[in-house]
C-alpha atoms as a PDB file:
ATOM      1  CA  MET A   1     -13.423 -23.449   4.570  1.00  0.00           C
ATOM      2  CA  LEU A   2     -10.870 -26.034   3.871  1.00  0.00           C
ATOM      3  CA  GLY A   3      -8.609 -25.846   1.187  1.00  0.00           C
ATOM      4  CA  THR A   4      -9.186 -22.435  -0.134  1.00  0.00           C
ATOM      5  CA  ASP A   5      -7.277 -20.972  -1.119  1.00  0.00           C
ATOM      6  CA  ALA A   6      -9.275 -16.994  -1.285  1.00  0.00           C
ATOM      7  CA  PRO A   7      -7.456 -14.488  -1.446  1.00  0.00           C
ATOM      8  CA  THR A   8      -7.427 -11.640   1.521  1.00  0.00           C
ATOM      9  CA  GLN A   9      -7.411  -7.936   0.247  1.00  0.00           C
ATOM     10  CA  THR A  10      -4.361  -5.210   1.457  1.00  0.00           C
ATOM     11  CA  CYS A  11      -3.663  -2.387   0.746  1.00  0.00           C
ATOM     12  CA  VAL A  12      -0.812  -3.141  -0.622  1.00  0.00           C
ATOM     13  CA  GLU A  13       0.343  -6.389  -2.199  1.00  0.00           C
ATOM     14  CA  ARG A  14       2.528  -8.407  -0.496  1.00  0.00           C
ATOM     15  CA  THR A  15       5.221  -9.210  -3.193  1.00  0.00           C
ATOM     16  CA  LYS A  16       7.218 -12.346  -3.036  1.00  0.00           C
ATOM     17  CA  ILE A  17      10.610 -11.477  -3.005  1.00  0.00           C
ATOM     18  CA  SER A  18      13.610 -13.822  -4.244  1.00  0.00           C
ATOM     19  CA  SER A  19      17.542 -13.273  -3.679  1.00  0.00           C
ATOM     20  CA  GLU A  20      17.849 -12.185  -7.702  1.00  0.00           C
ATOM     21  CA  GLU A  21      15.298  -9.403  -7.501  1.00  0.00           C
ATOM     22  CA  THR A  22      16.713  -7.397  -4.676  1.00  0.00           C
ATOM     23  CA  PRO A  23      20.503  -6.790  -4.116  1.00  0.00           C
ATOM     24  CA  GLY A  24      22.052  -7.257  -0.292  1.00  0.00           C
ATOM     25  CA  ASP A  25      22.873  -4.092   0.254  1.00  0.00           C
ATOM     26  CA  ASP A  26      19.278  -2.729  -0.853  1.00  0.00           C
ATOM     27  CA  ALA A  27      17.338  -5.670   1.504  1.00  0.00           C
ATOM     28  CA  LEU A  28      16.389  -5.553   4.898  1.00  0.00           C
ATOM     29  CA  TYR A  29      16.115  -8.431   6.353  1.00  0.00           C
ATOM     30  CA  GLY A  30      13.373  -8.882   9.914  1.00  0.00           C
ATOM     31  CA  VAL A  31      10.743  -6.723  11.429  1.00  0.00           C
ATOM     32  CA  LYS A  32      13.206  -4.949  13.634  1.00  0.00           C
ATOM     33  CA  GLU A  33      15.460  -3.992  10.941  1.00  0.00           C
ATOM     34  CA  ILE A  34      12.724  -3.269   8.905  1.00  0.00           C
ATOM     35  CA  ALA A  35      11.696  -1.180  11.853  1.00  0.00           C
ATOM     36  CA  ALA A  36      14.866   1.098  11.758  1.00  0.00           C
ATOM     37  CA  PHE A  37      14.523   2.180   8.473  1.00  0.00           C
ATOM     38  CA  ILE A  38      11.204   3.729   8.012  1.00  0.00           C
ATOM     39  CA  GLY A  39      11.549   4.385  12.190  1.00  0.00           C
ATOM     40  CA  ARG A  40       8.822   2.489  13.535  1.00  0.00           C
ATOM     41  CA  SER A  41       9.019   0.342  16.294  1.00  0.00           C
ATOM     42  CA  PRO A  42       9.112  -3.458  16.039  1.00  0.00           C
ATOM     43  CA  ARG A  43       5.582  -4.488  17.481  1.00  0.00           C
ATOM     44  CA  ARG A  44       3.739  -1.134  14.818  1.00  0.00           C
ATOM     45  CA  THR A  45       5.894  -2.663  11.657  1.00  0.00           C
ATOM     46  CA  TYR A  46       4.895  -5.645  12.412  1.00  0.00           C
ATOM     47  CA  HIS A  47       1.439  -5.135  11.960  1.00  0.00           C
ATOM     48  CA  LEU A  48       1.915  -2.617   9.066  1.00  0.00           C
ATOM     49  CA  LEU A  49       3.064  -6.313   7.459  1.00  0.00           C
ATOM     50  CA  TYR A  50       1.376  -8.375   8.492  1.00  0.00           C
ATOM     51  CA  GLU A  51      -1.765  -6.308   7.389  1.00  0.00           C
ATOM     52  CA  GLY A  52      -0.670  -5.602   3.746  1.00  0.00           C
ATOM     53  CA  ARG A  53       0.428  -1.855   4.640  1.00  0.00           C
ATOM     54  CA  ILE A  54       3.859  -1.603   3.102  1.00  0.00           C
ATOM     55  CA  PRO A  55       6.187  -3.327   0.152  1.00  0.00           C
ATOM     56  CA  ALA A  56       7.009  -6.396   1.647  1.00  0.00           C
ATOM     57  CA  GLY A  57       7.510 -10.440   1.578  1.00  0.00           C
ATOM     58  CA  LYS A  58       7.799 -13.385   3.786  1.00  0.00           C
ATOM     59  CA  GLU A  59      11.257 -15.204   2.747  1.00  0.00           C
ATOM     60  CA  GLY A  60      10.851 -18.411   4.738  1.00  0.00           C
ATOM     61  CA  VAL A  61      10.161 -17.117   8.720  1.00  0.00           C
ATOM     62  CA  LEU A  62      11.599 -13.981   8.409  1.00  0.00           C
ATOM     63  CA  TRP A  63       9.586 -10.730   6.349  1.00  0.00           C
ATOM     64  CA  ARG A  64      11.703  -9.323   3.638  1.00  0.00           C
ATOM     65  CA  ALA A  65      11.637  -5.826   2.285  1.00  0.00           C
ATOM     66  CA  SER A  66      13.694  -2.956  -0.200  1.00  0.00           C
ATOM     67  CA  LYS A  67      14.871   0.638   0.570  1.00  0.00           C
ATOM     68  CA  LYS A  68      14.055   0.927  -2.274  1.00  0.00           C
ATOM     69  CA  ALA A  69      10.425  -0.106  -2.560  1.00  0.00           C
ATOM     70  CA  LEU A  70       9.998   1.196   1.464  1.00  0.00           C
ATOM     71  CA  ARG A  71      11.938   4.731  -0.260  1.00  0.00           C
ATOM     72  CA  ALA A  72       8.993   4.345  -3.046  1.00  0.00           C
ATOM     73  CA  HIS A  73       5.805   3.928  -1.129  1.00  0.00           C
ATOM     74  CA  TYR A  74       6.878   6.338   1.410  1.00  0.00           C
ATOM     75  CA  ASP A  75       6.924   8.548  -1.337  1.00  0.00           C
ATOM     76  CA  ARG A  76       3.551   8.267  -2.872  1.00  0.00           C
ATOM     77  CA  LEU A  77       2.270   8.282   0.797  1.00  0.00           C
ATOM     78  CA  SER A  78       3.431  11.598   2.555  1.00  0.00           C
ATOM     79  CA  GLY A  79       6.555  13.199   0.050  1.00  0.00           C
ATOM     80  CA  GLU A  80      10.229  11.587   2.619  1.00  0.00           C
ATOM     81  CA  LEU A  81      10.755   8.679   4.845  1.00  0.00           C
ATOM     82  CA  PRO A  82      10.034   9.277   8.770  1.00  0.00           C
ATOM     83  CA  ASN A  83      13.281   9.477   9.983  1.00  0.00           C
ATOM     84  CA  ASP A  84      14.932   9.502   6.485  1.00  0.00           C
ATOM     85  CA  ARG A  85      17.328   7.244   6.345  1.00  0.00           C
ATOM     86  CA  SER A  86      18.734   7.793   2.807  1.00  0.00           C
ATOM     87  CA  VAL A  87      21.835   5.916   0.986  1.00  0.00           C
ATOM     88  CA  HIS A  88      24.548   7.793  -1.203  1.00  0.00           C
END
């Protein structure tokens, strides 16, 4: 039906991220950067993003995620981030 704004159900709520919410050091821009950080292929990462299974949002045409939010998400799921890339 045209004109309906029915919400879709996702595993993780997609987040609208503004540039004020996330400092530049913490931000990952685009599927390739997010994929490298979580240790998945860009294709698999895109599917995870599209399905809402990892915390991220769209800024224009780019996906954007916070390293802190991704670490917290993976800590809740498994206890550690695949290919842990902790920033010290």
